[in-house]
């Protein structure tokens, strides 16, 4: 009952005219970004991070969450009509959705994607509403040793699973940890890695690194490696609505996809790609018409799209309740919390109740807005695909430069922005994941602080991390996540 009361209060916050406007702008912009191939919610939120200096926290996070949910919706449009996934999580949608469009059934494909996204988003948000407070109660038992071990688990899982190889992911993480060490050590007062530059005494702003890696780096990479001439989007002909048989074949896939996507999205490095593939293979296995898969089976669109959107809600559970980002977008949103001086974690639900519950309530509202917007505006989303790529990349660079300079009016920040952008380009070029850099930058100083606290309490005894059962369990899971994939590869070769 307490949760329902908090949710009702959250709706009172989210239904104010200004917050409704932020929700609408977020879902509209997110859908447009999801439609454009190569862009995504992480890049868009990174570009908008400078607004945290002028917009209240609740409104900003309602906007960011709307962008995140909207991008999950919008990616399906490009996958179905152009066979080019707007988001990596919609790769599976392209397998069946584009086949349906080529058979003249683009309308039902878009409809099942939109309705499935709404159903899964609502199911996922319900899971976030009732699961996150339980995670908070559990997390309140954590001490410094447990928090440090939890962050080690996050470092290992995100780095090992997001990259093409564990080694590249860990290398990216070490870069982030190094960047997090720059500045004055709060405990000793000593300057670290500032190289005599006064502007670095306060450390490197997370916003500068995030915008450089995700916005500037992505724009440079896309400009340097243009996509081949893309085919024209398929036209949407016939009815947009689904037949009775389409409904019968879709509704179970929506629910199964939601059940797969939410828990997997809540796991470290769960993301949206894994649950969409799992959902696709589950639907193919359970289908009474497996021969249609690969030819345009509607279950192959309904299930993965549901898993995709449910996982987006799952990602918010560890971010809000534990302060752990499990995806690139969550890492960018965590940096926005830092801009406001807010620490996500168990106390967030007590100290920032208006923000948390207003954000959760806005997800229900944004889901409804997305369902209304998606199908009637399909013509607009198709037109967005005709935006010339050079203009798009140039606009990203201009907005990134203006936004970063507006934060501190410091030329040093601009130099750092393009240095990070160059590093982001090289990381994309050589297939190094960028998300671990942000995660290391944000969580590195926090892990250092918790490590020092644990050492102070234990009198310098390192066994404190192994003597506490929960801490030892988390470290064991981290070790398993690190060596498990290597052992599996060795077993396959044997």
Protein backbone atom coordinates (compact mmCIF):
# COMPACT_ATOMS: atom_id res chain seq x y z
CA UNK A 1 0.00 0.00 0.00
CA UNK A 2 2.87 2.35 0.72
CA UNK A 3 4.16 1.84 -2.82
CA UNK A 4 0.76 2.67 -4.30
CA UNK A 5 0.61 5.83 -2.20
CA UNK A 6 4.05 6.86 -3.41
CA UNK A 7 3.04 6.13 -7.01
CA UNK A 8 -0.10 8.28 -6.62
CA UNK A 9 2.12 11.10 -5.37
CA UNK A 10 4.37 10.50 -8.38
CA UNK A 11 1.43 10.97 -10.75
CA UNK A 12 0.63 14.26 -9.02
CA UNK A 13 4.20 15.35 -9.84
CA UNK A 14 4.28 13.96 -13.38
CA UNK A 15 0.86 15.38 -14.38
CA UNK A 16 1.86 19.02 -13.84
CA UNK A 17 1.75 20.91 -17.17
CA UNK A 18 5.51 21.47 -17.37
CA UNK A 19 6.39 17.84 -16.64
CA UNK A 20 3.80 16.65 -19.15
CA UNK A 21 5.50 18.88 -21.70
CA UNK A 22 8.91 17.38 -20.86
CA UNK A 23 7.46 13.87 -21.22
CA UNK A 24 5.97 14.71 -24.62
CA UNK A 25 9.18 16.32 -25.88
CA UNK A 26 11.17 13.33 -24.63
CA UNK A 27 9.07 10.63 -26.31
CA UNK A 28 8.77 12.64 -29.54
CA UNK A 29 12.50 13.33 -29.74
CA UNK A 30 13.33 9.77 -28.67
CA UNK A 31 11.16 8.28 -31.41
CA UNK A 32 12.79 10.52 -34.01
CA UNK A 33 16.26 9.53 -32.77
CA UNK A 34 15.33 5.84 -32.77
CA UNK A 35 14.20 6.12 -36.40
CA UNK A 36 17.54 7.58 -37.56
CA UNK A 37 20.05 4.75 -38.14
CA UNK A 38 23.30 5.10 -36.23
CA UNK A 39 21.98 7.41 -33.54
CA UNK A 40 20.58 6.32 -30.19
CA UNK A 41 19.39 7.44 -26.77
CA UNK A 42 22.89 7.51 -25.25
CA UNK A 43 24.14 10.00 -27.85
CA UNK A 44 21.00 12.15 -27.58
CA UNK A 45 20.99 12.31 -23.80
CA UNK A 46 24.72 13.10 -23.85
CA UNK A 47 24.03 16.05 -26.16
CA UNK A 48 21.31 17.30 -23.81
CA UNK A 49 23.30 16.96 -20.58
CA UNK A 50 24.10 20.72 -20.48
CA UNK A 51 20.41 21.42 -19.77
CA UNK A 52 21.01 20.05 -16.26
CA UNK A 53 22.42 23.48 -15.42
CA UNK A 54 19.12 25.24 -16.13
CA UNK A 55 16.29 22.68 -15.81
CA UNK A 56 15.07 21.19 -12.53
CA UNK A 57 16.09 17.58 -11.89
CA UNK A 58 12.59 16.06 -12.11
CA UNK A 59 11.86 17.66 -15.48
CA UNK A 60 15.26 16.70 -16.89
CA UNK A 61 14.96 13.04 -15.92
CA UNK A 62 11.40 12.83 -17.24
CA UNK A 63 12.81 14.16 -20.54
CA UNK A 64 15.72 11.69 -20.52
CA UNK A 65 13.49 8.72 -19.68
CA UNK A 66 11.10 9.74 -22.47
CA UNK A 67 14.01 9.80 -24.92
CA UNK A 68 15.11 6.35 -23.75
CA UNK A 69 11.64 4.80 -24.11
CA UNK A 70 10.96 6.65 -27.37
CA UNK A 71 14.17 5.40 -28.97
CA UNK A 72 13.17 1.83 -28.12
CA UNK A 73 9.91 2.45 -30.02
CA UNK A 74 11.38 4.33 -32.97
CA UNK A 75 14.04 1.78 -33.90
CA UNK A 76 11.39 -0.65 -35.09
CA UNK A 77 10.18 1.73 -37.83
CA UNK A 78 13.55 1.78 -39.59
CA UNK A 79 13.98 -1.96 -39.16
CA UNK A 80 10.61 -2.74 -40.71
CA UNK A 81 10.55 -0.20 -43.55
CA UNK A 82 14.25 0.04 -44.41
CA UNK A 83 15.73 -3.24 -43.10
CA UNK A 84 18.28 -1.06 -41.26
CA UNK A 85 18.03 -1.29 -37.47
CA UNK A 86 17.77 2.17 -35.92
CA UNK A 87 19.01 0.63 -32.67
CA UNK A 88 21.14 -2.46 -32.04
CA UNK A 89 18.25 -3.89 -30.04
CA UNK A 90 16.00 -3.87 -33.13
CA UNK A 91 18.24 -6.09 -35.26
CA UNK A 92 15.93 -9.04 -34.68
CA UNK A 93 12.88 -6.96 -35.62
CA UNK A 94 14.38 -6.42 -39.06
CA UNK A 95 14.53 -10.18 -39.68
CA UNK A 96 10.75 -10.62 -39.77
CA UNK A 97 9.39 -7.06 -39.90
CA UNK A 98 11.00 -6.16 -43.22
CA UNK A 99 9.82 -9.44 -44.73
CA UNK A 100 6.28 -8.57 -43.65
CA UNK A 101 6.63 -5.11 -45.22
CA UNK A 102 7.83 -6.63 -48.50
CA UNK A 103 4.70 -8.80 -48.53
CA UNK A 104 2.51 -5.69 -48.21
CA UNK A 105 1.97 -6.12 -44.45
CA UNK A 106 4.02 -3.18 -43.16
CA UNK A 107 0.94 -1.84 -41.32
CA UNK A 108 0.37 -4.90 -39.11
CA UNK A 109 4.13 -5.16 -38.49
CA UNK A 110 4.29 -1.56 -37.28
CA UNK A 111 1.09 -2.04 -35.26
CA UNK A 112 2.27 -5.16 -33.42
CA UNK A 113 5.60 -3.44 -32.70
CA UNK A 114 3.85 -0.35 -31.30
CA UNK A 115 1.25 -2.20 -29.24
CA UNK A 116 3.80 -4.75 -28.04
CA UNK A 117 6.09 -1.92 -27.01
CA UNK A 118 3.25 -0.34 -25.04
CA UNK A 119 2.30 -3.60 -23.32
CA UNK A 120 5.92 -4.45 -22.48
CA UNK A 121 6.72 -0.91 -21.38
CA UNK A 122 3.75 -0.98 -19.02
CA UNK A 123 4.67 -4.42 -17.66
CA UNK A 124 8.27 -3.32 -17.21
CA UNK A 125 7.26 -0.12 -15.45
CA UNK A 126 5.02 -2.13 -13.11
CA UNK A 127 8.04 -4.30 -12.35
CA UNK A 128 10.13 -1.19 -11.69
CA UNK A 129 7.40 0.22 -9.43
CA UNK A 130 7.16 -2.80 -7.15
CA UNK A 131 10.65 -4.35 -7.47
CA UNK A 132 12.85 -1.29 -6.99
CA UNK A 133 11.65 -0.62 -3.40
CA UNK A 134 12.44 -4.26 -2.51
CA UNK A 135 15.95 -3.89 -3.94
CA UNK A 136 16.33 -0.71 -1.87
CA UNK A 137 15.41 -2.56 1.33
CA UNK A 138 18.02 -5.19 0.52
CA UNK A 139 20.66 -2.59 -0.39
CA UNK A 140 20.25 -0.79 2.94
CA UNK A 141 22.09 -3.73 4.51
CA UNK A 142 25.22 -2.96 2.49
CA UNK A 143 28.33 -1.64 4.22
CA UNK A 144 31.50 -0.21 2.61
CA UNK A 145 32.91 -3.69 1.87
CA UNK A 146 29.69 -4.86 0.18
CA UNK A 147 29.42 -1.67 -1.88
CA UNK A 148 33.01 -1.98 -3.08
CA UNK A 149 32.45 -5.62 -4.07
CA UNK A 150 29.22 -4.68 -5.84
CA UNK A 151 31.06 -2.05 -7.87
CA UNK A 152 33.78 -4.57 -8.74
CA UNK A 153 31.02 -6.86 -10.02
CA UNK A 154 29.60 -4.01 -12.10
CA UNK A 155 33.06 -3.18 -13.49
CA UNK A 156 33.73 -6.76 -14.54
CA UNK A 157 30.33 -7.64 -15.99
CA UNK A 158 29.83 -4.44 -17.94
CA UNK A 159 33.41 -4.41 -19.27
CA UNK A 160 33.53 -8.11 -20.09
CA UNK A 161 30.14 -8.31 -21.78
CA UNK A 162 29.78 -5.02 -23.64
CA UNK A 163 32.92 -5.29 -25.75
CA UNK A 164 34.01 -7.60 -28.52
CA UNK A 165 36.38 -9.13 -25.97
CA UNK A 166 36.81 -8.96 -22.22
CA UNK A 167 40.32 -7.54 -22.65
CA UNK A 168 39.10 -4.59 -24.71
CA UNK A 169 36.28 -3.92 -22.28
CA UNK A 170 38.64 -3.95 -19.30
CA UNK A 171 41.08 -1.67 -21.17
CA UNK A 172 38.26 0.83 -21.72
CA UNK A 173 37.34 0.54 -18.04
CA UNK A 174 40.93 1.34 -17.00
CA UNK A 175 40.83 4.49 -19.14
CA UNK A 176 37.69 5.56 -17.27
CA UNK A 177 39.24 4.78 -13.89
CA UNK A 178 42.27 6.89 -14.80
CA UNK A 179 40.08 9.83 -15.85
CA UNK A 180 38.20 9.51 -12.55
CA UNK A 181 41.47 9.91 -10.60
CA UNK A 182 42.30 13.28 -12.16
CA UNK A 183 41.91 16.18 -9.73
CA UNK A 184 42.43 16.85 -6.04
CA UNK A 185 42.22 13.81 -3.77
CA UNK A 186 39.53 14.72 -1.25
CA UNK A 187 41.17 12.71 1.54
CA UNK A 188 44.78 13.91 1.24
CA UNK A 189 44.35 17.19 -0.64
CA UNK A 190 47.02 16.18 -3.17
CA UNK A 191 46.63 16.96 -6.88
CA UNK A 192 46.62 13.84 -9.06
CA UNK A 193 47.42 13.76 -12.80
CA UNK A 194 46.63 17.45 -13.31
CA UNK A 195 49.95 18.14 -15.09
CA UNK A 196 49.98 21.70 -13.79
CA UNK A 197 46.67 22.65 -15.45
CA UNK A 198 44.55 24.56 -12.87
CA UNK A 199 41.28 23.68 -14.67
CA UNK A 200 41.91 20.00 -13.94
CA UNK A 201 42.08 20.43 -10.16
CA UNK A 202 38.32 19.88 -9.91
CA UNK A 203 38.57 16.81 -12.11
CA UNK A 204 37.19 16.23 -15.60
CA UNK A 205 33.49 16.96 -15.91
CA UNK A 206 31.56 13.79 -16.68
CA UNK A 207 29.43 15.73 -19.16
CA UNK A 208 32.51 16.67 -21.21
CA UNK A 209 33.63 13.04 -21.41
CA UNK A 210 30.13 11.71 -22.16
CA UNK A 211 29.42 14.25 -24.91
CA UNK A 212 32.91 13.75 -26.38
CA UNK A 213 32.74 9.95 -26.48
CA UNK A 214 29.13 9.47 -27.53
CA UNK A 215 28.27 12.57 -29.55
CA UNK A 216 31.52 13.87 -31.06
CA UNK A 217 33.13 10.42 -31.37
CA UNK A 218 30.01 8.91 -32.94
CA UNK A 219 29.60 11.81 -35.39
CA UNK A 220 33.26 11.58 -36.46
CA UNK A 221 32.97 7.82 -36.93
CA UNK A 222 29.77 8.02 -38.97
CA UNK A 223 31.20 10.82 -41.10
CA UNK A 224 34.46 8.94 -41.71
CA UNK A 225 32.68 5.67 -42.47
CA UNK A 226 29.53 6.63 -44.38
CA UNK A 227 26.94 3.96 -44.89
CA UNK A 228 26.40 2.71 -48.44
CA UNK A 229 23.62 4.33 -50.39
CA UNK A 230 20.50 3.25 -48.59
CA UNK A 231 17.42 1.96 -50.29
CA UNK A 232 14.22 3.95 -50.17
CA UNK A 233 11.87 3.06 -47.31
CA UNK A 234 9.07 0.69 -48.22
CA UNK A 235 5.69 2.34 -48.49
CA UNK A 236 3.01 1.58 -45.94
CA UNK A 237 0.05 0.39 -47.96
CA UNK A 238 -3.24 -1.05 -46.86
CA UNK A 239 -4.63 -1.02 -43.36
CA UNK A 240 -2.43 -0.16 -40.39
CA UNK A 241 -4.59 -2.31 -38.13
CA UNK A 242 -4.12 -5.94 -37.23
CA UNK A 243 -6.47 -8.76 -38.16
CA UNK A 244 -8.04 -11.05 -35.59
CA UNK A 245 -5.45 -13.71 -36.43
CA UNK A 246 -2.65 -11.16 -35.94
CA UNK A 247 -3.99 -10.33 -32.47
CA UNK A 248 -4.28 -14.00 -31.58
CA UNK A 249 -0.70 -14.66 -32.62
CA UNK A 250 0.73 -11.52 -31.01
CA UNK A 251 -0.67 -11.15 -27.51
CA UNK A 252 1.10 -14.19 -26.04
CA UNK A 253 4.36 -13.10 -27.69
CA UNK A 254 3.99 -9.65 -26.08
CA UNK A 255 3.66 -11.17 -22.63
CA UNK A 256 6.48 -13.68 -23.13
CA UNK A 257 8.75 -10.95 -24.46
CA UNK A 258 7.96 -8.78 -21.43
CA UNK A 259 8.73 -11.67 -19.07
CA UNK A 260 12.10 -12.21 -20.80
CA UNK A 261 13.12 -8.58 -21.27
CA UNK A 262 12.54 -7.09 -17.82
CA UNK A 263 14.61 -9.47 -15.65
CA UNK A 264 17.45 -9.68 -18.19
CA UNK A 265 17.51 -5.90 -18.53
CA UNK A 266 17.89 -5.63 -14.75
CA UNK A 267 21.09 -7.69 -14.75
CA UNK A 268 24.54 -6.08 -15.07
CA UNK A 269 25.30 -5.74 -18.78
CA UNK A 270 21.95 -7.32 -19.56
CA UNK A 271 21.03 -4.61 -22.04
CA UNK A 272 18.37 -5.11 -24.69
CA UNK A 273 20.17 -7.13 -27.36
CA UNK A 274 20.33 -10.45 -25.48
CA UNK A 275 16.63 -10.59 -24.46
CA UNK A 276 15.48 -9.73 -28.00
CA UNK A 277 17.41 -12.65 -29.48
CA UNK A 278 16.21 -14.98 -26.74
CA UNK A 279 12.61 -13.86 -27.31
CA UNK A 280 12.95 -14.50 -31.05
CA UNK A 281 14.20 -18.05 -30.57
CA UNK A 282 11.52 -18.74 -27.93
CA UNK A 283 8.79 -17.59 -30.32
CA UNK A 284 10.24 -19.69 -33.14
CA UNK A 285 10.35 -22.72 -30.85
CA UNK A 286 6.78 -22.30 -29.60
CA UNK A 287 5.20 -21.26 -32.88
CA UNK A 288 2.69 -23.53 -34.60
CA UNK A 289 3.98 -22.15 -37.90
CA UNK A 290 7.78 -22.28 -37.59
CA UNK A 291 8.08 -22.41 -41.38
CA UNK A 292 6.98 -18.74 -41.52
CA UNK A 293 10.03 -17.55 -39.58
CA UNK A 294 12.40 -15.92 -42.01
CA UNK A 295 9.44 -15.18 -44.31
CA UNK A 296 7.61 -12.63 -42.14
CA UNK A 297 6.19 -14.22 -38.98
CA UNK A 298 4.37 -11.64 -36.88
CA UNK A 299 5.46 -13.36 -33.63
CA UNK A 300 9.05 -12.62 -34.66
CA UNK A 301 8.22 -8.91 -34.47
CA UNK A 302 5.89 -8.94 -31.47
CA UNK A 303 8.10 -10.88 -29.05
CA UNK A 304 11.47 -9.16 -29.62
CA UNK A 305 9.91 -5.68 -29.62
CA UNK A 306 8.25 -6.45 -26.29
CA UNK A 307 11.52 -7.78 -24.86
CA UNK A 308 13.31 -4.67 -26.12
CA UNK A 309 10.99 -2.24 -24.33
CA UNK A 310 10.64 -4.27 -21.14
CA UNK A 311 14.43 -4.35 -20.80
CA UNK A 312 14.50 -0.54 -20.86
CA UNK A 313 12.49 -0.49 -17.64
CA UNK A 314 14.68 -3.22 -16.20
CA UNK A 315 17.81 -1.12 -16.73
CA UNK A 316 16.36 1.57 -14.44
CA UNK A 317 16.04 -0.81 -11.46
CA UNK A 318 19.76 -1.13 -10.57
CA UNK A 319 20.42 2.47 -11.60
CA UNK A 320 17.86 3.98 -9.25
CA UNK A 321 18.08 1.51 -6.37
CA UNK A 322 21.82 0.72 -6.36
CA UNK A 323 23.38 3.52 -8.38
CA UNK A 324 24.76 1.01 -10.90
CA UNK A 325 24.49 1.69 -14.65
CA UNK A 326 24.08 -1.49 -16.70
CA UNK A 327 24.02 0.11 -20.17
CA UNK A 328 25.52 3.08 -21.99
CA UNK A 329 22.30 5.08 -21.67
CA UNK A 330 22.07 4.36 -17.93
CA UNK A 331 25.69 5.50 -17.54
CA UNK A 332 24.88 8.83 -19.22
CA UNK A 333 21.81 9.26 -17.01
CA UNK A 334 23.94 8.52 -13.96
CA UNK A 335 26.28 11.34 -14.97
CA UNK A 336 23.23 13.64 -15.05
CA UNK A 337 22.53 12.68 -11.42
CA UNK A 338 26.06 13.75 -10.59
CA UNK A 339 25.48 17.10 -12.29
CA UNK A 340 22.66 17.73 -9.82
CA UNK A 341 24.75 16.53 -6.87
CA UNK A 342 22.37 13.58 -6.39
CA UNK A 343 23.68 10.11 -5.53
CA UNK A 344 21.47 7.28 -6.86
CA UNK A 345 21.16 4.38 -4.45
CA UNK A 346 19.02 3.18 -1.55
CA UNK A 347 18.65 6.65 0.00
CA UNK A 348 17.46 8.16 -3.28
CA UNK A 349 13.93 6.87 -2.64
CA UNK A 350 13.89 8.67 0.72
CA UNK A 351 15.78 11.87 -0.09
CA UNK A 352 14.39 12.46 -3.60
CA UNK A 353 10.92 10.90 -3.45
CA UNK A 354 9.39 13.51 -5.77
CA UNK A 355 12.06 12.87 -8.38
CA UNK A 356 11.97 9.07 -8.24
CA UNK A 357 8.21 8.58 -8.14
CA UNK A 358 7.57 11.42 -10.57
CA UNK A 359 9.99 9.72 -12.97
CA UNK A 360 8.33 6.31 -12.56
CA UNK A 361 4.85 7.80 -13.04
CA UNK A 362 6.05 9.62 -16.16
CA UNK A 363 6.97 6.25 -17.70
CA UNK A 364 3.31 5.19 -17.62
CA UNK A 365 2.32 8.50 -19.18
CA UNK A 366 5.10 8.40 -21.78
CA UNK A 367 4.09 4.88 -22.79
CA UNK A 368 0.56 6.05 -23.50
CA UNK A 369 1.87 9.03 -25.46
CA UNK A 370 4.08 6.78 -27.55
CA UNK A 371 1.18 4.51 -28.47
CA UNK A 372 -0.81 7.54 -29.64
CA UNK A 373 2.12 9.11 -31.51
CA UNK A 374 3.68 6.13 -33.24
CA UNK A 375 1.15 4.99 -35.83
CA UNK A 376 -0.62 8.28 -36.76
CA UNK A 377 2.74 9.99 -37.37
CA UNK A 378 4.31 7.15 -39.35
CA UNK A 379 4.54 9.45 -42.40
CA UNK A 380 6.62 11.93 -40.40
CA UNK A 381 8.97 9.23 -39.13
CA UNK A 382 9.53 8.03 -42.71
CA UNK A 383 10.37 11.59 -43.84
CA UNK A 384 12.98 11.88 -41.08
CA UNK A 385 14.91 9.11 -42.84
CA UNK A 386 15.59 11.53 -45.72
CA UNK A 387 17.64 13.96 -43.56
CA UNK A 388 21.06 14.32 -45.29
CA UNK A 389 23.73 12.63 -43.20
CA UNK A 390 26.31 15.49 -43.48
CA UNK A 391 23.80 17.97 -42.06
CA UNK A 392 22.97 15.57 -39.24
CA UNK A 393 26.61 15.04 -38.22
CA UNK A 394 27.45 18.73 -38.51
CA UNK A 395 24.47 19.58 -36.30
CA UNK A 396 25.64 17.10 -33.67
CA UNK A 397 29.11 18.69 -33.57
CA UNK A 398 27.69 22.22 -33.34
CA UNK A 399 25.31 21.35 -30.50
CA UNK A 400 28.04 19.44 -28.66
CA UNK A 401 30.45 22.39 -28.90
CA UNK A 402 27.93 25.05 -27.86
CA UNK A 403 26.54 22.96 -25.00
CA UNK A 404 29.96 22.08 -23.58
CA UNK A 405 31.30 25.62 -23.81
CA UNK A 406 28.13 26.92 -22.16
CA UNK A 407 28.82 24.87 -19.01
CA UNK A 408 32.00 26.66 -17.89
CA UNK A 409 33.07 28.97 -20.76
CA UNK A 410 36.47 27.24 -20.54
CA UNK A 411 38.63 26.62 -23.62
CA UNK A 412 40.18 23.71 -21.73
CA UNK A 413 36.80 21.97 -21.71
CA UNK A 414 36.56 22.36 -25.49
CA UNK A 415 40.03 20.86 -25.91
CA UNK A 416 39.01 17.97 -23.65
CA UNK A 417 35.75 17.57 -25.57
CA UNK A 418 37.50 17.01 -28.88
CA UNK A 419 40.26 14.94 -27.29
CA UNK A 420 37.54 12.67 -25.91
CA UNK A 421 35.83 12.76 -29.31
CA UNK A 422 39.04 11.66 -31.01
CA UNK A 423 39.43 8.87 -28.47
CA UNK A 424 35.79 7.88 -29.01
CA UNK A 425 36.39 7.70 -32.76
CA UNK A 426 39.45 5.47 -32.30
CA UNK A 427 37.55 3.23 -29.88
CA UNK A 428 34.74 2.80 -32.40
CA UNK A 429 37.26 2.27 -35.19
CA UNK A 430 39.02 -0.55 -33.35
CA UNK A 431 35.90 -1.97 -31.70
CA UNK A 432 36.52 -0.90 -28.11
CA UNK A 433 33.31 -0.29 -26.11
CA UNK A 434 32.84 3.28 -24.87
CA UNK A 435 30.34 2.61 -22.07
CA UNK A 436 32.99 1.17 -19.67
CA UNK A 437 34.88 4.48 -19.86
CA UNK A 438 31.89 6.38 -18.49
CA UNK A 439 31.17 3.69 -15.91
CA UNK A 440 34.79 3.75 -14.71
CA UNK A 441 34.78 7.54 -14.57
CA UNK A 442 31.61 7.65 -12.47
CA UNK A 443 31.99 4.60 -10.26
CA UNK A 444 35.79 4.67 -9.91
CA UNK A 445 35.94 7.50 -7.35
CA UNK A 446 32.99 5.96 -5.48
CA UNK A 447 34.69 2.56 -5.37
CA UNK A 448 37.89 4.20 -4.12
CA UNK A 449 35.93 5.94 -1.37
CA UNK A 450 34.18 2.75 -0.27
CA UNK A 451 37.50 0.86 -0.33
CA UNK A 452 39.10 3.43 1.94
CA UNK A 453 36.15 3.30 4.33
CA UNK A 454 36.33 -0.48 4.49
CA UNK A 455 40.08 -0.32 5.17
CA UNK A 456 39.56 2.27 7.92
CA UNK A 457 36.87 0.20 9.64
CA UNK A 458 38.89 -3.05 9.39
CA UNK A 459 42.20 -1.47 10.41
CA UNK A 460 43.76 -2.21 7.02
CA UNK A 461 42.73 -5.87 6.92
CA UNK A 462 42.05 -6.86 3.28
CA UNK A 463 40.28 -10.04 4.34
CA UNK A 464 37.27 -7.89 5.29
CA UNK A 465 36.08 -8.30 1.67
CA UNK A 466 36.12 -12.08 2.03
CA UNK A 467 34.99 -12.43 5.64
CA UNK A 468 31.61 -10.82 4.97
CA UNK A 469 29.39 -13.37 3.19
CA UNK A 470 27.62 -10.92 0.86
CA UNK A 471 30.87 -9.22 -0.14
CA UNK A 472 32.56 -12.57 -0.78
CA UNK A 473 29.58 -13.73 -2.89
CA UNK A 474 29.70 -10.61 -5.04
CA UNK A 475 33.45 -10.99 -5.61
CA UNK A 476 32.96 -14.65 -6.52
CA UNK A 477 30.33 -13.65 -9.09
CA UNK A 478 32.72 -11.05 -10.49
CA UNK A 479 35.45 -13.68 -10.84
CA UNK A 480 33.02 -16.06 -12.51
CA UNK A 481 31.91 -13.35 -14.95
CA UNK A 482 35.53 -12.66 -15.81
CA UNK A 483 36.83 -16.19 -16.33
CA UNK A 484 33.56 -17.95 -17.21
CA UNK A 485 33.53 -16.93 -20.92
CA UNK A 486 37.20 -17.88 -21.26
CA UNK A 487 36.57 -21.31 -19.75
CA UNK A 488 33.63 -21.85 -22.12
CA UNK A 489 35.78 -20.97 -25.13
CA UNK A 490 38.51 -23.35 -23.98
CA UNK A 491 35.93 -26.10 -23.51
CA UNK A 492 34.59 -25.59 -27.04
CA UNK A 493 38.08 -25.85 -28.50
CA UNK A 494 38.88 -29.00 -26.54
